[in-house]
Amino acid sequence: MSDKSLLPDFWMMTTMISPRFTMRLDSELKDWLESEAKRKDRSAAYVAKQAILDLKNKTEAKAQMIEEAVTQADKGVFISEDNMTAWFESLGTDHELPEPEADIFPNQT
């Protein structure tokens, strides 16, 4: 077997084969995607894939934060509405308050 006969097999092993996904874009979004791809010196498919991955990661992170917050709330760990409101209203002022601490309330079950 010559070295040249290995090249097609090597190409098949190093090429990622994945299912195709097609979508319709309005012309404004398509133009933006193509411009962004050109600016990044990447393909439009690559930019779209990265955007989808970013959305996936953000969605999963948000779901995890919500799950953790519910777990803490189930344990009775809360920040009171008054403390949150006072802190939020102080943001950007000369008398900005530190981020409020959580209080632990006994579970009312």
C-alpha atoms as a PDB file:
ATOM      1  CA  MET A   1       0.000   0.000   0.000  1.00  0.00           C
ATOM      2  CA  SER A   2       1.498   3.336  -1.009  1.00  0.00           C
ATOM      3  CA  ASP A   3       1.409   6.519   1.075  1.00  0.00           C
ATOM      4  CA  LYS A   4      -0.796   8.145  -1.582  1.00  0.00           C
ATOM      5  CA  SER A   5      -3.566   5.619  -1.027  1.00  0.00           C
ATOM      6  CA  LEU A   6      -3.831   6.735   2.625  1.00  0.00           C
ATOM      7  CA  LEU A   7      -4.677  10.355   1.749  1.00  0.00           C
ATOM      8  CA  PRO A   8      -8.403   9.813   1.008  1.00  0.00           C
ATOM      9  CA  ASP A   9      -8.796   7.801   4.231  1.00  0.00           C
ATOM     10  CA  PHE A  10      -6.945  10.448   6.234  1.00  0.00           C
ATOM     11  CA  TRP A  11      -9.179  13.173   4.797  1.00  0.00           C
ATOM     12  CA  MET A  12     -12.293  11.250   5.851  1.00  0.00           C
ATOM     13  CA  MET A  13     -10.928  10.771   9.376  1.00  0.00           C
ATOM     14  CA  THR A  14     -10.087  14.460   9.853  1.00  0.00           C
ATOM     15  CA  THR A  15     -13.220  15.948   8.297  1.00  0.00           C
ATOM     16  CA  MET A  16     -16.082  16.516  10.701  1.00  0.00           C
ATOM     17  CA  ILE A  17     -19.319  15.281   9.204  1.00  0.00           C
ATOM     18  CA  SER A  18     -22.447  16.765  10.756  1.00  0.00           C
ATOM     19  CA  PRO A  19     -26.058  17.099   9.698  1.00  0.00           C
ATOM     20  CA  ARG A  20     -27.006  20.144   7.657  1.00  0.00           C
ATOM     21  CA  PHE A  21     -29.382  22.747   9.028  1.00  0.00           C
ATOM     22  CA  THR A  22     -31.076  25.255   6.756  1.00  0.00           C
ATOM     23  CA  MET A  23     -32.994  28.372   7.716  1.00  0.00           C
ATOM     24  CA  ARG A  24     -34.507  31.358   6.007  1.00  0.00           C
ATOM     25  CA  LEU A  25     -33.244  34.811   6.937  1.00  0.00           C
ATOM     26  CA  ASP A  26     -34.688  38.134   5.932  1.00  0.00           C
ATOM     27  CA  SER A  27     -32.372  40.128   3.683  1.00  0.00           C
ATOM     28  CA  GLU A  28     -31.323  42.597   6.412  1.00  0.00           C
ATOM     29  CA  LEU A  29     -30.232  39.819   8.781  1.00  0.00           C
ATOM     30  CA  LYS A  30     -28.523  37.906   5.975  1.00  0.00           C
ATOM     31  CA  ASP A  31     -26.593  41.029   4.934  1.00  0.00           C
ATOM     32  CA  TRP A  32     -25.534  41.639   8.540  1.00  0.00           C
ATOM     33  CA  LEU A  33     -24.430  38.010   8.948  1.00  0.00           C
ATOM     34  CA  GLU A  34     -22.358  38.140   5.779  1.00  0.00           C
ATOM     35  CA  SER A  35     -20.787  41.469   6.804  1.00  0.00           C
ATOM     36  CA  GLU A  36     -19.961  40.152  10.265  1.00  0.00           C
ATOM     37  CA  ALA A  37     -18.462  36.996   8.753  1.00  0.00           C
ATOM     38  CA  LYS A  38     -16.316  39.063   6.398  1.00  0.00           C
ATOM     39  CA  ARG A  39     -15.198  41.328   9.260  1.00  0.00           C
ATOM     40  CA  LYS A  40     -14.160  38.279  11.292  1.00  0.00           C
ATOM     41  CA  ASP A  41     -12.630  36.551   8.269  1.00  0.00           C
ATOM     42  CA  ARG A  42     -14.908  33.579   8.879  1.00  0.00           C
ATOM     43  CA  SER A  43     -17.777  31.934   7.053  1.00  0.00           C
ATOM     44  CA  ALA A  44     -21.365  33.027   7.661  1.00  0.00           C
ATOM     45  CA  ALA A  45     -22.084  29.469   8.849  1.00  0.00           C
ATOM     46  CA  TYR A  46     -19.322  29.754  11.468  1.00  0.00           C
ATOM     47  CA  VAL A  47     -20.655  33.088  12.778  1.00  0.00           C
ATOM     48  CA  ALA A  48     -24.201  31.712  12.929  1.00  0.00           C
ATOM     49  CA  LYS A  49     -23.007  28.569  14.732  1.00  0.00           C
ATOM     50  CA  GLN A  50     -21.098  30.675  17.297  1.00  0.00           C
ATOM     51  CA  ALA A  51     -24.199  32.824  17.898  1.00  0.00           C
ATOM     52  CA  ILE A  52     -26.292  29.699  18.476  1.00  0.00           C
ATOM     53  CA  LEU A  53     -23.661  28.276  20.857  1.00  0.00           C
ATOM     54  CA  ASP A  54     -23.564  31.574  22.777  1.00  0.00           C
ATOM     55  CA  LEU A  55     -27.361  31.538  23.110  1.00  0.00           C
ATOM     56  CA  LYS A  56     -27.260  27.898  24.243  1.00  0.00           C
ATOM     57  CA  ASN A  57     -24.616  28.658  26.888  1.00  0.00           C
ATOM     58  CA  LYS A  58     -26.499  31.728  28.172  1.00  0.00           C
ATOM     59  CA  THR A  59     -29.792  29.822  28.297  1.00  0.00           C
ATOM     60  CA  GLU A  60     -28.214  26.926  30.197  1.00  0.00           C
ATOM     61  CA  ALA A  61     -26.435  29.294  32.614  1.00  0.00           C
ATOM     62  CA  LYS A  62     -29.695  31.154  33.304  1.00  0.00           C
ATOM     63  CA  ALA A  63     -31.547  27.885  33.918  1.00  0.00           C
ATOM     64  CA  GLN A  64     -28.806  26.784  36.335  1.00  0.00           C
ATOM     65  CA  MET A  65     -28.941  30.111  38.221  1.00  0.00           C
ATOM     66  CA  ILE A  66     -32.725  29.833  38.519  1.00  0.00           C
ATOM     67  CA  GLU A  67     -32.420  26.258  39.758  1.00  0.00           C
ATOM     68  CA  GLU A  68     -29.850  27.331  42.376  1.00  0.00           C
ATOM     69  CA  ALA A  69     -32.047  30.265  43.455  1.00  0.00           C
ATOM     70  CA  VAL A  70     -35.066  27.970  43.855  1.00  0.00           C
ATOM     71  CA  THR A  71     -32.942  25.544  45.887  1.00  0.00           C
ATOM     72  CA  GLN A  72     -31.847  28.393  48.171  1.00  0.00           C
ATOM     73  CA  ALA A  73     -35.412  29.700  48.434  1.00  0.00           C
ATOM     74  CA  ASP A  74     -36.618  26.218  49.358  1.00  0.00           C
ATOM     75  CA  LYS A  75     -34.068  26.318  52.211  1.00  0.00           C
ATOM     76  CA  GLY A  76     -35.545  29.625  53.359  1.00  0.00           C
ATOM     77  CA  VAL A  77     -32.719  31.885  52.098  1.00  0.00           C
ATOM     78  CA  PHE A  78     -34.084  35.212  50.859  1.00  0.00           C
ATOM     79  CA  ILE A  79     -33.235  38.887  50.501  1.00  0.00           C
ATOM     80  CA  SER A  80     -36.150  40.979  51.673  1.00  0.00           C
ATOM     81  CA  GLU A  81     -37.944  43.187  49.186  1.00  0.00           C
ATOM     82  CA  ASP A  82     -37.185  46.263  51.326  1.00  0.00           C
ATOM     83  CA  ASN A  83     -33.435  45.528  51.358  1.00  0.00           C
ATOM     84  CA  MET A  84     -33.386  44.853  47.602  1.00  0.00           C
ATOM     85  CA  THR A  85     -35.337  48.045  46.844  1.00  0.00           C
ATOM     86  CA  ALA A  86     -33.091  50.188  49.066  1.00  0.00           C
ATOM     87  CA  TRP A  87     -29.950  48.730  47.486  1.00  0.00           C
ATOM     88  CA  PHE A  88     -31.255  49.079  43.930  1.00  0.00           C
ATOM     89  CA  GLU A  89     -32.354  52.677  44.482  1.00  0.00           C
ATOM     90  CA  SER A  90     -28.948  53.544  45.941  1.00  0.00           C
ATOM     91  CA  LEU A  91     -27.036  52.370  42.846  1.00  0.00           C
ATOM     92  CA  GLY A  92     -25.340  55.239  41.028  1.00  0.00           C
ATOM     93  CA  THR A  93     -25.822  57.665  43.914  1.00  0.00           C
ATOM     94  CA  ASP A  94     -23.248  59.190  46.273  1.00  0.00           C
ATOM     95  CA  HIS A  95     -24.600  56.934  49.034  1.00  0.00           C
ATOM     96  CA  GLU A  96     -24.508  53.566  47.292  1.00  0.00           C
ATOM     97  CA  LEU A  97     -25.274  50.679  49.639  1.00  0.00           C
ATOM     98  CA  PRO A  98     -23.364  47.380  49.638  1.00  0.00           C
ATOM     99  CA  GLU A  99     -25.060  44.426  47.998  1.00  0.00           C
ATOM    100  CA  PRO A 100     -27.624  43.073  50.473  1.00  0.00           C
ATOM    101  CA  GLU A 101     -26.966  39.874  52.390  1.00  0.00           C
ATOM    102  CA  ALA A 102     -29.429  37.020  52.317  1.00  0.00           C
ATOM    103  CA  ASP A 103     -31.466  36.312  55.417  1.00  0.00           C
ATOM    104  CA  ILE A 104     -32.396  32.796  56.415  1.00  0.00           C
ATOM    105  CA  PHE A 105     -36.020  32.332  57.351  1.00  0.00           C
ATOM    106  CA  PRO A 106     -37.302  29.092  58.800  1.00  0.00           C
ATOM    107  CA  ASN A 107     -39.135  26.988  56.272  1.00  0.00           C
ATOM    108  CA  GLN A 108     -42.870  27.524  56.743  1.00  0.00           C
ATOM    109  CA  THR A 109     -43.914  23.990  55.715  1.00  0.00           C
END
